[in-house]
């Protein structure tokens, strides 16, 4: 769709077309089943897989919404992957969608644990299993790095270069140096986000006041000299 007389694409229409309104139970179950099977190592390895399925493959939500869901899920207790799966299923198909998504995500691991419980001691020290985990770790690191870069880029775009960089440094200091719990850091930054636009406008107005006064004085001087 284009706007009449301008020839420019309708951004609202293209944005709406980029996200599908809903998904079937089979799509939700298959997507969450794959994340449960391929998510070696827990939450950090599962998050990029769910991001790919929800944002890139099926286009159930935009990347910005996924980032918000991820932040809120980190602030709540419990495994992060199941929380995101439950939200995704509920968003698409309501309560039954949430149940289907969670079951499809956790059942592969639960059944595998039950089936292999008798051999768990052997597998934990198996060189084959250790080799598999070691081989998949670089792939997980790259996926996490790509997702972190996307989130960082959006943070800088939304907060500005200096404010975004400052938030990165503050978050790093709180998490790594002071060792504050991640949930507390997320809640603090969410609280700041509520007032960010007002604070940014206040700084911008104060910075522009001297310029406006200077222009007014120049205008008065010019009128008097005329």
N, C-alpha and C. Protein backbone atom coordinates (compact mmCIF):
# COMPACT_ATOMS: atom_id res chain seq x y z
N UNK A 1 0.84 -1.18 0.00
CA UNK A 1 0.00 0.00 0.00
C UNK A 1 0.88 1.24 0.00
N UNK A 2 0.48 2.27 -0.78
CA UNK A 2 1.19 3.53 -0.81
C UNK A 2 0.23 4.65 -0.54
N UNK A 3 0.72 5.74 0.02
CA UNK A 3 -0.11 6.90 0.27
C UNK A 3 -0.36 7.61 -1.05
N UNK A 4 -1.61 8.11 -1.24
CA UNK A 4 -1.99 8.73 -2.50
C UNK A 4 -1.23 10.03 -2.68
N UNK A 5 -0.64 10.19 -3.88
CA UNK A 5 0.05 11.41 -4.23
C UNK A 5 1.48 11.46 -3.80
N UNK A 6 1.93 10.58 -2.90
CA UNK A 6 3.30 10.63 -2.42
C UNK A 6 4.15 9.53 -2.98
N UNK A 7 3.54 8.37 -3.23
CA UNK A 7 4.32 7.24 -3.73
C UNK A 7 5.15 6.57 -2.67
N UNK A 8 4.97 6.97 -1.39
CA UNK A 8 5.74 6.42 -0.29
C UNK A 8 5.00 5.25 0.30
N UNK A 9 5.68 4.23 0.80
CA UNK A 9 5.00 3.08 1.40
C UNK A 9 4.31 3.46 2.67
N UNK A 10 3.20 2.84 2.90
CA UNK A 10 2.46 3.05 4.14
C UNK A 10 3.11 2.26 5.25
N UNK A 11 3.83 2.98 6.16
CA UNK A 11 4.60 2.30 7.21
C UNK A 11 3.69 1.53 8.14
N UNK A 12 2.51 2.08 8.42
CA UNK A 12 1.59 1.37 9.33
C UNK A 12 1.14 0.07 8.73
N UNK A 13 0.85 0.10 7.43
CA UNK A 13 0.41 -1.13 6.79
C UNK A 13 1.49 -2.16 6.71
N UNK A 14 2.74 -1.72 6.39
CA UNK A 14 3.85 -2.67 6.30
C UNK A 14 4.19 -3.25 7.65
N UNK A 15 4.09 -2.43 8.72
CA UNK A 15 4.39 -2.94 10.06
C UNK A 15 3.35 -3.97 10.49
N UNK A 16 2.08 -3.69 10.12
CA UNK A 16 1.03 -4.64 10.49
C UNK A 16 1.19 -5.94 9.73
N UNK A 17 1.67 -5.84 8.46
CA UNK A 17 1.83 -7.05 7.67
C UNK A 17 3.03 -7.87 8.12
N UNK A 18 3.94 -7.23 8.87
CA UNK A 18 5.14 -7.92 9.28
C UNK A 18 4.87 -8.91 10.40
N UNK A 19 3.79 -8.72 11.15
CA UNK A 19 3.47 -9.58 12.28
C UNK A 19 2.17 -10.32 11.99
N UNK A 20 2.20 -11.65 12.10
CA UNK A 20 1.00 -12.46 11.87
C UNK A 20 0.09 -12.37 13.09
N UNK A 21 -1.22 -12.30 12.89
CA UNK A 21 -2.13 -12.11 14.01
C UNK A 21 -2.22 -13.30 14.96
N UNK A 22 -1.94 -14.51 14.51
CA UNK A 22 -2.06 -15.66 15.40
C UNK A 22 -1.41 -16.89 14.82
N UNK A 23 -1.32 -17.92 15.61
CA UNK A 23 -0.72 -19.17 15.16
C UNK A 23 -1.59 -20.34 15.56
N UNK A 24 -1.49 -21.43 14.83
CA UNK A 24 -2.27 -22.62 15.14
C UNK A 24 -1.64 -23.38 16.30
N UNK A 25 -2.42 -24.30 16.89
CA UNK A 25 -1.89 -25.12 17.97
C UNK A 25 -0.72 -25.97 17.49
N UNK A 26 -0.80 -26.45 16.26
CA UNK A 26 0.29 -27.28 15.74
C UNK A 26 1.57 -26.47 15.57
N UNK A 27 1.45 -25.23 15.10
CA UNK A 27 2.64 -24.39 14.95
C UNK A 27 3.26 -24.06 16.30
N UNK A 28 2.40 -23.70 17.27
CA UNK A 28 2.91 -23.38 18.61
C UNK A 28 3.60 -24.59 19.22
N UNK A 29 2.96 -25.76 19.13
CA UNK A 29 3.52 -26.97 19.73
C UNK A 29 4.81 -27.38 19.06
N UNK A 30 4.85 -27.29 17.74
CA UNK A 30 6.06 -27.69 17.02
C UNK A 30 7.21 -26.73 17.31
N UNK A 31 6.92 -25.45 17.36
CA UNK A 31 7.96 -24.47 17.65
C UNK A 31 8.52 -24.68 19.06
N UNK A 32 7.67 -24.85 20.04
CA UNK A 32 8.13 -25.03 21.42
C UNK A 32 8.77 -26.40 21.62
N UNK A 33 8.31 -27.41 20.86
CA UNK A 33 8.95 -28.73 20.93
C UNK A 33 10.40 -28.63 20.48
N UNK A 34 10.64 -27.90 19.39
CA UNK A 34 12.00 -27.76 18.88
C UNK A 34 12.89 -27.02 19.88
N UNK A 35 12.35 -25.98 20.52
CA UNK A 35 13.17 -25.25 21.49
C UNK A 35 13.49 -26.12 22.70
N UNK A 36 12.55 -27.00 23.08
CA UNK A 36 12.82 -27.90 24.19
C UNK A 36 13.83 -28.97 23.87
N UNK A 37 13.82 -29.45 22.61
CA UNK A 37 14.76 -30.51 22.21
C UNK A 37 16.16 -29.95 21.98
N UNK A 38 16.26 -28.78 21.35
CA UNK A 38 17.56 -28.24 20.94
C UNK A 38 18.17 -27.30 21.96
N UNK A 39 17.45 -27.00 23.03
CA UNK A 39 17.95 -26.04 24.00
C UNK A 39 18.88 -26.65 25.02
N UNK A 40 20.10 -27.01 24.61
CA UNK A 40 21.09 -27.56 25.53
C UNK A 40 21.61 -26.45 26.44
N UNK A 41 21.61 -26.70 27.74
CA UNK A 41 22.21 -25.75 28.67
C UNK A 41 21.23 -24.85 29.39
N UNK A 42 19.94 -25.02 29.19
CA UNK A 42 18.98 -24.22 29.94
C UNK A 42 18.61 -22.93 29.24
N UNK A 43 18.14 -21.95 30.06
CA UNK A 43 17.60 -20.70 29.56
C UNK A 43 18.45 -19.94 28.56
N UNK A 44 19.74 -19.70 28.84
CA UNK A 44 20.55 -18.91 27.89
C UNK A 44 20.59 -19.48 26.49
N UNK A 45 20.52 -20.79 26.35
CA UNK A 45 20.55 -21.38 25.02
C UNK A 45 19.17 -21.47 24.39
N UNK A 46 18.12 -21.46 25.21
CA UNK A 46 16.76 -21.59 24.69
C UNK A 46 16.22 -20.25 24.19
N UNK A 47 16.60 -19.16 24.85
CA UNK A 47 16.06 -17.85 24.50
C UNK A 47 16.29 -17.50 23.03
N UNK A 48 17.51 -17.65 22.47
CA UNK A 48 17.66 -17.35 21.04
C UNK A 48 16.82 -18.24 20.15
N UNK A 49 16.59 -19.50 20.56
CA UNK A 49 15.75 -20.39 19.76
C UNK A 49 14.30 -19.92 19.75
N UNK A 50 13.77 -19.55 20.92
CA UNK A 50 12.41 -19.04 20.98
C UNK A 50 12.30 -17.72 20.21
N UNK A 51 13.33 -16.88 20.32
CA UNK A 51 13.36 -15.62 19.58
C UNK A 51 13.27 -15.87 18.08
N UNK A 52 14.01 -16.86 17.61
CA UNK A 52 13.99 -17.17 16.17
C UNK A 52 12.60 -17.65 15.74
N UNK A 53 12.01 -18.55 16.52
CA UNK A 53 10.71 -19.09 16.15
C UNK A 53 9.62 -18.02 16.19
N UNK A 54 9.61 -17.21 17.26
CA UNK A 54 8.52 -16.26 17.45
C UNK A 54 8.66 -15.01 16.60
N UNK A 55 9.89 -14.55 16.38
CA UNK A 55 10.11 -13.27 15.68
C UNK A 55 10.45 -13.49 14.21
N UNK A 56 11.37 -14.42 13.93
CA UNK A 56 11.86 -14.56 12.56
C UNK A 56 11.04 -15.54 11.73
N UNK A 57 10.78 -16.71 12.28
CA UNK A 57 10.14 -17.75 11.48
C UNK A 57 8.63 -17.53 11.32
N UNK A 58 7.93 -17.46 12.46
CA UNK A 58 6.47 -17.37 12.40
C UNK A 58 5.95 -15.93 12.48
N UNK A 59 6.82 -14.99 12.89
CA UNK A 59 6.46 -13.57 12.98
C UNK A 59 5.23 -13.36 13.87
N UNK A 60 5.24 -13.99 15.03
CA UNK A 60 4.14 -13.83 15.97
C UNK A 60 4.24 -12.52 16.73
N UNK A 61 5.43 -11.96 16.86
CA UNK A 61 5.62 -10.70 17.55
C UNK A 61 6.85 -10.00 16.99
N UNK A 62 6.95 -8.71 17.28
CA UNK A 62 8.11 -7.95 16.86
C UNK A 62 9.24 -8.13 17.88
N UNK A 63 10.46 -7.82 17.42
CA UNK A 63 11.62 -8.00 18.29
C UNK A 63 11.53 -7.12 19.53
N UNK A 64 10.94 -5.93 19.40
CA UNK A 64 10.81 -5.04 20.56
C UNK A 64 9.91 -5.67 21.63
N UNK A 65 8.82 -6.28 21.21
CA UNK A 65 7.93 -6.93 22.18
C UNK A 65 8.63 -8.11 22.83
N UNK A 66 9.40 -8.88 22.05
CA UNK A 66 10.11 -10.01 22.64
C UNK A 66 11.11 -9.53 23.69
N UNK A 67 11.78 -8.41 23.42
CA UNK A 67 12.72 -7.86 24.41
C UNK A 67 12.01 -7.46 25.69
N UNK A 68 10.82 -6.88 25.58
CA UNK A 68 10.06 -6.51 26.76
C UNK A 68 9.62 -7.75 27.54
N UNK A 69 9.15 -8.78 26.82
CA UNK A 69 8.74 -10.02 27.47
C UNK A 69 9.93 -10.66 28.19
N UNK A 70 11.09 -10.64 27.55
CA UNK A 70 12.29 -11.23 28.15
C UNK A 70 12.66 -10.50 29.43
N UNK A 71 12.57 -9.17 29.42
CA UNK A 71 12.90 -8.40 30.62
C UNK A 71 11.94 -8.71 31.75
N UNK A 72 10.65 -8.77 31.45
CA UNK A 72 9.66 -9.09 32.49
C UNK A 72 9.82 -10.52 33.00
N UNK A 73 10.12 -11.45 32.09
CA UNK A 73 10.31 -12.84 32.51
C UNK A 73 11.51 -12.98 33.42
N UNK A 74 12.56 -12.19 33.18
CA UNK A 74 13.73 -12.24 34.06
C UNK A 74 13.42 -11.73 35.46
N UNK A 75 12.44 -10.85 35.56
CA UNK A 75 12.11 -10.27 36.86
C UNK A 75 11.19 -11.17 37.67
N UNK A 76 10.65 -12.23 37.07
CA UNK A 76 9.73 -13.13 37.77
C UNK A 76 10.45 -14.42 38.15
N UNK A 77 10.00 -15.08 39.19
CA UNK A 77 10.65 -16.35 39.60
C UNK A 77 10.31 -17.48 38.65
N UNK A 78 11.18 -18.48 38.63
CA UNK A 78 10.94 -19.66 37.80
C UNK A 78 11.79 -19.67 36.54
N UNK A 79 11.82 -20.81 35.85
CA UNK A 79 12.60 -20.93 34.61
C UNK A 79 12.11 -19.96 33.55
N UNK A 80 13.03 -19.25 32.93
CA UNK A 80 12.65 -18.20 31.99
C UNK A 80 12.05 -18.76 30.72
N UNK A 81 12.53 -19.91 30.26
CA UNK A 81 12.04 -20.46 28.99
C UNK A 81 10.56 -20.84 29.08
N UNK A 82 10.16 -21.46 30.19
CA UNK A 82 8.76 -21.85 30.35
C UNK A 82 7.86 -20.64 30.49
N UNK A 83 8.37 -19.57 31.11
CA UNK A 83 7.56 -18.36 31.25
C UNK A 83 7.32 -17.72 29.89
N UNK A 84 8.37 -17.66 29.05
CA UNK A 84 8.20 -17.09 27.72
C UNK A 84 7.29 -17.97 26.87
N UNK A 85 7.45 -19.28 26.98
CA UNK A 85 6.59 -20.19 26.23
C UNK A 85 5.13 -20.03 26.64
N UNK A 86 4.88 -19.90 27.94
CA UNK A 86 3.51 -19.72 28.42
C UNK A 86 2.93 -18.42 27.91
N UNK A 87 3.71 -17.34 27.95
CA UNK A 87 3.20 -16.06 27.46
C UNK A 87 2.90 -16.13 25.97
N UNK A 88 3.82 -16.74 25.23
CA UNK A 88 3.64 -16.83 23.79
C UNK A 88 2.37 -17.61 23.43
N UNK A 89 2.18 -18.77 24.08
CA UNK A 89 0.99 -19.56 23.83
C UNK A 89 -0.28 -18.84 24.23
N UNK A 90 -0.24 -18.13 25.37
CA UNK A 90 -1.43 -17.40 25.83
C UNK A 90 -1.74 -16.24 24.90
N UNK A 91 -0.72 -15.58 24.41
CA UNK A 91 -0.91 -14.44 23.51
C UNK A 91 -1.57 -14.87 22.20
N UNK A 92 -1.23 -16.08 21.75
CA UNK A 92 -1.73 -16.55 20.46
C UNK A 92 -3.05 -17.28 20.57
N UNK A 93 -3.20 -18.13 21.61
CA UNK A 93 -4.38 -19.00 21.70
C UNK A 93 -5.02 -19.04 23.08
N UNK A 94 -4.71 -18.11 23.93
CA UNK A 94 -5.34 -18.07 25.24
C UNK A 94 -4.78 -19.12 26.19
N UNK A 95 -5.61 -19.54 27.15
CA UNK A 95 -5.16 -20.45 28.20
C UNK A 95 -4.72 -21.79 27.62
N UNK A 96 -5.51 -22.35 26.70
CA UNK A 96 -5.14 -23.64 26.12
C UNK A 96 -3.87 -23.53 25.27
N UNK A 97 -3.66 -22.38 24.66
CA UNK A 97 -2.41 -22.17 23.93
C UNK A 97 -1.21 -22.15 24.86
N UNK A 98 -1.38 -21.52 26.04
CA UNK A 98 -0.30 -21.50 27.02
C UNK A 98 0.01 -22.90 27.51
N UNK A 99 -1.02 -23.69 27.78
CA UNK A 99 -0.81 -25.07 28.24
C UNK A 99 -0.10 -25.88 27.16
N UNK A 100 -0.55 -25.75 25.92
CA UNK A 100 0.07 -26.50 24.82
C UNK A 100 1.52 -26.10 24.64
N UNK A 101 1.83 -24.80 24.73
CA UNK A 101 3.20 -24.34 24.54
C UNK A 101 4.12 -24.86 25.65
N UNK A 102 3.66 -24.78 26.89
CA UNK A 102 4.50 -25.23 28.02
C UNK A 102 4.72 -26.74 27.95
N UNK A 103 3.66 -27.49 27.68
CA UNK A 103 3.81 -28.94 27.61
C UNK A 103 4.73 -29.35 26.46
N UNK A 104 4.57 -28.71 25.30
CA UNK A 104 5.43 -29.04 24.17
C UNK A 104 6.88 -28.70 24.45
N UNK A 105 7.10 -27.68 25.28
CA UNK A 105 8.48 -27.28 25.58
C UNK A 105 9.14 -28.19 26.61
N UNK A 106 8.39 -28.57 27.65
CA UNK A 106 9.02 -29.31 28.75
C UNK A 106 8.94 -30.82 28.58
N UNK A 107 7.98 -31.32 27.79
CA UNK A 107 7.81 -32.76 27.70
C UNK A 107 9.02 -33.49 27.12
N UNK A 108 9.69 -32.97 26.07
CA UNK A 108 10.87 -33.70 25.56
C UNK A 108 11.93 -33.92 26.63
N UNK A 109 12.24 -32.86 27.39
CA UNK A 109 13.25 -33.00 28.44
C UNK A 109 12.77 -33.90 29.57
N UNK A 110 11.49 -33.78 29.94
CA UNK A 110 10.96 -34.60 31.03
C UNK A 110 10.97 -36.08 30.65
N UNK A 111 10.53 -36.39 29.44
CA UNK A 111 10.53 -37.79 29.00
C UNK A 111 11.94 -38.33 28.87
N UNK A 112 12.85 -37.48 28.37
CA UNK A 112 14.24 -37.94 28.23
C UNK A 112 14.86 -38.21 29.59
N UNK A 113 14.56 -37.35 30.57
CA UNK A 113 15.10 -37.56 31.91
C UNK A 113 14.56 -38.85 32.53
N UNK A 114 13.27 -39.11 32.34
CA UNK A 114 12.69 -40.34 32.88
C UNK A 114 13.28 -41.57 32.20
N UNK A 115 13.44 -41.50 30.88
CA UNK A 115 13.95 -42.65 30.14
C UNK A 115 15.42 -42.91 30.44
N UNK A 116 16.17 -41.85 30.69
CA UNK A 116 17.62 -42.02 30.88
C UNK A 116 18.04 -41.91 32.34
N UNK A 117 17.08 -41.92 33.25
CA UNK A 117 17.41 -41.77 34.66
C UNK A 117 18.33 -42.88 35.16
N UNK A 118 18.13 -44.08 34.68
CA UNK A 118 18.95 -45.19 35.14
C UNK A 118 20.40 -45.08 34.67
N UNK A 119 20.61 -44.34 33.59
CA UNK A 119 21.97 -44.21 33.04
C UNK A 119 22.55 -42.82 33.26
N UNK A 120 21.97 -42.05 34.18
CA UNK A 120 22.39 -40.66 34.33
C UNK A 120 23.84 -40.55 34.80
N UNK A 121 24.26 -41.44 35.69
CA UNK A 121 25.62 -41.38 36.17
C UNK A 121 26.62 -41.67 35.06
N UNK A 122 26.28 -42.63 34.22
CA UNK A 122 27.17 -42.95 33.10
C UNK A 122 27.25 -41.81 32.10
N UNK A 123 26.08 -41.22 31.78
CA UNK A 123 26.06 -40.17 30.76
C UNK A 123 26.72 -38.89 31.25
N UNK A 124 26.65 -38.62 32.55
CA UNK A 124 27.24 -37.38 33.06
C UNK A 124 28.75 -37.37 32.88
N UNK A 125 29.37 -38.53 32.89
CA UNK A 125 30.81 -38.59 32.68
C UNK A 125 31.21 -39.09 31.32
N UNK A 126 30.25 -39.26 30.44
CA UNK A 126 30.55 -39.76 29.10
C UNK A 126 31.29 -38.72 28.28
N UNK A 127 32.36 -39.16 27.61
CA UNK A 127 33.11 -38.24 26.76
C UNK A 127 32.29 -37.81 25.55
N UNK A 128 31.37 -38.67 25.10
CA UNK A 128 30.53 -38.33 23.95
C UNK A 128 29.60 -37.18 24.31
N UNK A 129 28.94 -37.28 25.49
CA UNK A 129 28.03 -36.22 25.92
C UNK A 129 28.80 -34.93 26.16
N UNK A 130 29.96 -35.03 26.81
CA UNK A 130 30.76 -33.83 27.04
C UNK A 130 31.20 -33.20 25.73
N UNK A 131 31.53 -34.04 24.76
CA UNK A 131 31.91 -33.52 23.45
C UNK A 131 30.76 -32.82 22.75
N UNK A 132 29.56 -33.38 22.86
CA UNK A 132 28.40 -32.74 22.26
C UNK A 132 28.14 -31.37 22.88
N UNK A 133 28.22 -31.30 24.21
CA UNK A 133 27.99 -30.03 24.90
C UNK A 133 29.08 -29.02 24.52
N UNK A 134 30.33 -29.48 24.48
CA UNK A 134 31.41 -28.58 24.11
C UNK A 134 31.29 -28.08 22.68
N UNK A 135 30.81 -28.93 21.77
CA UNK A 135 30.70 -28.54 20.37
C UNK A 135 29.58 -27.55 20.14
N UNK A 136 28.50 -27.67 20.90
CA UNK A 136 27.34 -26.78 20.68
C UNK A 136 27.50 -25.46 21.42
N UNK A 137 28.42 -25.37 22.37
CA UNK A 137 28.60 -24.14 23.14
C UNK A 137 28.96 -22.93 22.27
N UNK A 138 29.90 -23.04 21.30
CA UNK A 138 30.18 -21.87 20.45
C UNK A 138 28.97 -21.39 19.67
N UNK A 139 28.12 -22.31 19.22
CA UNK A 139 26.92 -21.91 18.48
C UNK A 139 26.00 -21.11 19.38
N UNK A 140 25.83 -21.58 20.63
CA UNK A 140 24.99 -20.86 21.58
C UNK A 140 25.57 -19.49 21.87
N UNK A 141 26.89 -19.40 22.01
CA UNK A 141 27.54 -18.12 22.29
C UNK A 141 27.31 -17.12 21.16
N UNK A 142 27.41 -17.59 19.91
CA UNK A 142 27.19 -16.71 18.76
C UNK A 142 25.74 -16.23 18.72
N UNK A 143 24.79 -17.14 18.95
CA UNK A 143 23.37 -16.76 18.94
C UNK A 143 23.06 -15.75 20.03
N UNK A 144 23.62 -15.96 21.22
CA UNK A 144 23.42 -15.00 22.30
C UNK A 144 24.05 -13.66 21.97
N UNK A 145 25.24 -13.70 21.34
CA UNK A 145 25.91 -12.46 20.95
C UNK A 145 25.11 -11.67 19.93
N UNK A 146 24.55 -12.36 18.94
CA UNK A 146 23.73 -11.69 17.93
C UNK A 146 22.48 -11.05 18.56
N UNK A 147 21.84 -11.78 19.46
CA UNK A 147 20.65 -11.25 20.11
C UNK A 147 21.01 -10.08 21.02
N UNK A 148 22.14 -10.18 21.74
CA UNK A 148 22.57 -9.08 22.60
C UNK A 148 22.88 -7.83 21.78
N UNK A 149 23.48 -8.00 20.60
CA UNK A 149 23.78 -6.86 19.74
C UNK A 149 22.49 -6.20 19.26
N UNK A 150 21.48 -7.00 18.90
CA UNK A 150 20.20 -6.44 18.46
C UNK A 150 19.54 -5.66 19.59
N UNK A 151 19.55 -6.22 20.80
CA UNK A 151 18.95 -5.52 21.93
C UNK A 151 19.71 -4.24 22.23
N UNK A 152 21.05 -4.30 22.18
CA UNK A 152 21.85 -3.11 22.44
C UNK A 152 21.60 -2.02 21.42
N UNK A 153 21.47 -2.41 20.16
CA UNK A 153 21.20 -1.44 19.10
C UNK A 153 19.87 -0.74 19.32
N UNK A 154 18.86 -1.51 19.72
CA UNK A 154 17.55 -0.91 19.97
C UNK A 154 17.58 -0.02 21.21
N UNK A 155 18.36 -0.41 22.21
CA UNK A 155 18.46 0.41 23.42
C UNK A 155 19.08 1.77 23.10
N UNK A 156 20.15 1.76 22.29
CA UNK A 156 20.79 3.02 21.90
C UNK A 156 19.85 3.86 21.05
N UNK A 157 19.09 3.21 20.18
CA UNK A 157 18.14 3.94 19.33
C UNK A 157 17.02 4.55 20.15
N UNK A 158 16.58 3.85 21.18
CA UNK A 158 15.47 4.35 21.99
C UNK A 158 15.90 5.34 23.05
N UNK A 159 17.08 5.13 23.66
CA UNK A 159 17.53 5.99 24.75
C UNK A 159 18.48 7.09 24.29
N UNK A 160 19.08 6.92 23.12
CA UNK A 160 20.13 7.84 22.70
C UNK A 160 21.50 7.25 22.98
N UNK A 161 22.50 7.76 22.27
CA UNK A 161 23.84 7.17 22.36
C UNK A 161 24.42 7.30 23.77
N UNK A 162 24.36 8.50 24.35
CA UNK A 162 25.00 8.71 25.65
C UNK A 162 24.21 8.04 26.77
N UNK A 163 22.90 8.20 26.75
CA UNK A 163 22.09 7.58 27.80
C UNK A 163 22.14 6.06 27.70
N UNK A 164 22.09 5.53 26.47
CA UNK A 164 22.18 4.08 26.30
C UNK A 164 23.51 3.53 26.80
N UNK A 165 24.61 4.22 26.44
CA UNK A 165 25.93 3.79 26.93
C UNK A 165 26.02 3.87 28.44
N UNK A 166 25.45 4.93 29.02
CA UNK A 166 25.47 5.05 30.48
C UNK A 166 24.68 3.94 31.16
N UNK A 167 23.54 3.58 30.58
CA UNK A 167 22.74 2.49 31.14
C UNK A 167 23.48 1.16 31.05
N UNK A 168 24.20 0.95 29.94
CA UNK A 168 25.01 -0.27 29.81
C UNK A 168 26.05 -0.35 30.93
N UNK A 169 26.75 0.75 31.17
CA UNK A 169 27.79 0.76 32.20
C UNK A 169 27.20 0.57 33.59
N UNK A 170 26.08 1.23 33.86
CA UNK A 170 25.46 1.09 35.18
C UNK A 170 24.98 -0.34 35.39
N UNK A 171 24.34 -0.92 34.37
CA UNK A 171 23.86 -2.30 34.49
C UNK A 171 25.02 -3.27 34.68
N UNK A 172 26.11 -3.06 33.93
CA UNK A 172 27.28 -3.93 34.08
C UNK A 172 27.87 -3.82 35.48
N UNK A 173 27.95 -2.59 35.99
CA UNK A 173 28.51 -2.41 37.33
C UNK A 173 27.64 -3.05 38.41
N UNK A 174 26.32 -2.90 38.28
CA UNK A 174 25.42 -3.48 39.28
C UNK A 174 25.44 -5.00 39.24
N UNK A 175 25.50 -5.57 38.03
CA UNK A 175 25.42 -7.03 37.90
C UNK A 175 26.76 -7.71 38.19
N UNK A 176 27.85 -7.12 37.72
CA UNK A 176 29.15 -7.79 37.81
C UNK A 176 29.99 -7.33 39.00
N UNK A 177 29.96 -6.04 39.31
CA UNK A 177 30.81 -5.51 40.39
C UNK A 177 30.11 -5.58 41.74
N UNK A 178 28.91 -5.03 41.81
CA UNK A 178 28.16 -5.02 43.07
C UNK A 178 27.44 -6.34 43.31
N UNK A 179 27.21 -7.11 42.23
CA UNK A 179 26.52 -8.40 42.31
C UNK A 179 25.09 -8.27 42.81
N UNK A 180 24.37 -7.27 42.28
CA UNK A 180 22.95 -7.12 42.59
C UNK A 180 22.16 -8.17 41.81
N UNK A 181 21.10 -8.67 42.40
CA UNK A 181 20.29 -9.68 41.73
C UNK A 181 19.72 -9.11 40.43
N UNK A 182 19.76 -9.89 39.33
CA UNK A 182 19.26 -9.37 38.05
C UNK A 182 17.82 -8.87 38.09
N UNK A 183 16.96 -9.53 38.88
CA UNK A 183 15.56 -9.09 38.96
C UNK A 183 15.46 -7.67 39.51
N UNK A 184 16.31 -7.35 40.51
CA UNK A 184 16.29 -6.01 41.09
C UNK A 184 16.75 -4.98 40.07
N UNK A 185 17.79 -5.31 39.31
CA UNK A 185 18.30 -4.39 38.29
C UNK A 185 17.23 -4.15 37.22
N UNK A 186 16.56 -5.20 36.81
CA UNK A 186 15.52 -5.06 35.79
C UNK A 186 14.38 -4.18 36.29
N UNK A 187 13.95 -4.38 37.54
CA UNK A 187 12.87 -3.57 38.10
C UNK A 187 13.28 -2.11 38.18
N UNK A 188 14.54 -1.85 38.57
CA UNK A 188 15.02 -0.46 38.66
C UNK A 188 15.00 0.20 37.29
N UNK A 189 15.47 -0.50 36.26
CA UNK A 189 15.50 0.08 34.93
C UNK A 189 14.10 0.22 34.34
N UNK A 190 13.20 -0.70 34.67
CA UNK A 190 11.82 -0.55 34.24
C UNK A 190 11.19 0.69 34.88
N UNK A 191 11.48 0.90 36.16
CA UNK A 191 10.96 2.09 36.84
C UNK A 191 11.52 3.36 36.21
N UNK A 192 12.81 3.34 35.86
CA UNK A 192 13.39 4.52 35.19
C UNK A 192 12.76 4.74 33.82
N UNK A 193 12.48 3.64 33.11
CA UNK A 193 11.90 3.77 31.79
C UNK A 193 10.57 4.49 31.78
N UNK A 194 9.81 4.39 32.90
CA UNK A 194 8.53 5.08 32.99
C UNK A 194 8.71 6.59 32.89
N UNK A 195 9.82 7.10 33.47
CA UNK A 195 10.04 8.55 33.50
C UNK A 195 11.11 9.00 32.50
N UNK A 196 11.60 8.10 31.67
CA UNK A 196 12.72 8.45 30.79
C UNK A 196 12.37 9.58 29.84
N UNK A 197 11.23 9.50 29.18
CA UNK A 197 10.88 10.52 28.20
C UNK A 197 10.72 11.88 28.86
N UNK A 198 10.12 11.93 30.05
CA UNK A 198 9.96 13.20 30.75
C UNK A 198 11.32 13.78 31.14
N UNK A 199 12.21 12.91 31.63
CA UNK A 199 13.54 13.38 32.02
C UNK A 199 14.31 13.87 30.79
N UNK A 200 14.22 13.12 29.68
CA UNK A 200 14.92 13.53 28.47
C UNK A 200 14.40 14.86 27.95
N UNK A 201 13.08 15.07 28.00
CA UNK A 201 12.51 16.35 27.57
C UNK A 201 12.97 17.48 28.47
N UNK A 202 13.07 17.22 29.79
CA UNK A 202 13.51 18.24 30.72
C UNK A 202 14.94 18.67 30.43
N UNK A 203 15.84 17.71 30.20
CA UNK A 203 17.23 18.02 29.87
C UNK A 203 17.30 18.77 28.55
N UNK A 204 16.51 18.34 27.57
CA UNK A 204 16.53 18.98 26.25
C UNK A 204 16.06 20.43 26.33
N UNK A 205 15.01 20.67 27.10
CA UNK A 205 14.49 22.04 27.24
C UNK A 205 15.47 22.93 27.95
N UNK A 206 16.11 22.41 29.03
CA UNK A 206 17.10 23.22 29.75
C UNK A 206 18.31 23.52 28.89
N UNK A 207 18.69 22.57 28.04
CA UNK A 207 19.83 22.80 27.17
C UNK A 207 19.53 23.83 26.09
N UNK A 208 18.29 23.88 25.64
CA UNK A 208 17.91 24.79 24.56
C UNK A 208 17.50 26.16 25.05
N UNK A 209 17.28 26.34 26.38
CA UNK A 209 16.87 27.64 26.90
C UNK A 209 17.88 28.73 26.59
N UNK A 210 19.21 28.53 26.85
CA UNK A 210 20.17 29.60 26.52
C UNK A 210 20.15 29.97 25.05
N UNK A 211 19.96 28.97 24.17
CA UNK A 211 19.94 29.24 22.75
C UNK A 211 18.73 30.10 22.39
N UNK A 212 17.56 29.78 22.97
CA UNK A 212 16.37 30.56 22.67
C UNK A 212 16.50 31.99 23.19
N UNK A 213 17.09 32.12 24.41
CA UNK A 213 17.29 33.46 24.95
C UNK A 213 18.24 34.26 24.08
N UNK A 214 19.30 33.60 23.59
CA UNK A 214 20.25 34.29 22.72
C UNK A 214 19.61 34.76 21.44
N UNK A 215 18.76 33.92 20.86
CA UNK A 215 18.08 34.31 19.62
C UNK A 215 17.11 35.46 19.87
N UNK A 216 16.42 35.45 21.04
CA UNK A 216 15.50 36.53 21.36
C UNK A 216 16.25 37.84 21.54
N UNK A 217 17.41 37.78 22.22
CA UNK A 217 18.20 39.00 22.41
C UNK A 217 18.72 39.52 21.09
N UNK A 218 19.14 38.62 20.18
CA UNK A 218 19.60 39.06 18.88
C UNK A 218 18.47 39.72 18.10
N UNK A 219 17.24 39.15 18.21
CA UNK A 219 16.09 39.75 17.53
C UNK A 219 15.77 41.12 18.07
N UNK A 220 15.85 41.31 19.42
CA UNK A 220 15.58 42.61 19.98
C UNK A 220 16.63 43.62 19.57
N UNK A 221 17.90 43.20 19.54
CA UNK A 221 18.97 44.11 19.12
C UNK A 221 18.79 44.54 17.69
N UNK A 222 18.42 43.61 16.84
CA UNK A 222 18.22 43.93 15.43
C UNK A 222 17.07 44.90 15.24
N UNK A 223 15.97 44.71 15.99
CA UNK A 223 14.82 45.60 15.86
C UNK A 223 15.15 47.00 16.34
N UNK A 224 15.95 47.12 17.43
CA UNK A 224 16.33 48.44 17.92
C UNK A 224 17.26 49.14 16.95
N UNK A 225 18.20 48.41 16.38
CA UNK A 225 19.15 49.03 15.43
C UNK A 225 18.45 49.46 14.15
N UNK A 226 17.35 48.71 13.77
CA UNK A 226 16.61 49.07 12.58
C UNK A 226 15.85 50.37 12.78
